[in-house]
Amino acid sequence: MISSDPRGDYLAMLCRMVGFRVVRGSSEEHGWDALLQLGVELSSRGCVFITADGGGPARSAKFGAVALASAAAVPLIPLSADCHPAIEERHKWDRARNPVPFCRLTVLIGEPRAPEFFTDSAAVEETTRWLEASLNELSGTDEVILRDLIQ
């Protein structure tokens, strides 16, 4: 799922170039419709990617990914990616890093967790906190790896 704002256009184009099907939406615009499309994809045994902190603040997971995984009975798999060198958008809420040609890309994958079908909001919040902590741990590790590669 990629934001439907103009900034998401480049990422959507890149994803399509490497063969991904793209669903556009965000918490502010078409978010529930996009989650429904992702649910259909999962029911067809597909795989989906969601930026869990979409819309900000950075590094604060929203419940959309957790709700989707629970409803579709699929595991959440935390993933972190970074690139070097990159053009950093320091003025954006997430300080987005855009790859440049021939950059080095680092992708880290965390331990999966299969959420149960949620019956109360406390379980959703606990799984959302787990997802946020897992992603932040991977991102911290990612920065160490990239720093080591640069030196």
Foldseek 3Di string as FASTA:
>chain_A
DFEPDPVRPVVCVVCVVVPDDDQYHFPVGCVVVSLVVVLVCVVVVHDDDDDQQTPDQALQGDLSVVLSLQVSQHKDKAKDKDWPPFDFDPVDNHRDTHDDPPIDMDMDIDDIDGQHNDDDVVSSVVVSVVNSVRNVVVVVVVVVVVVVVVD
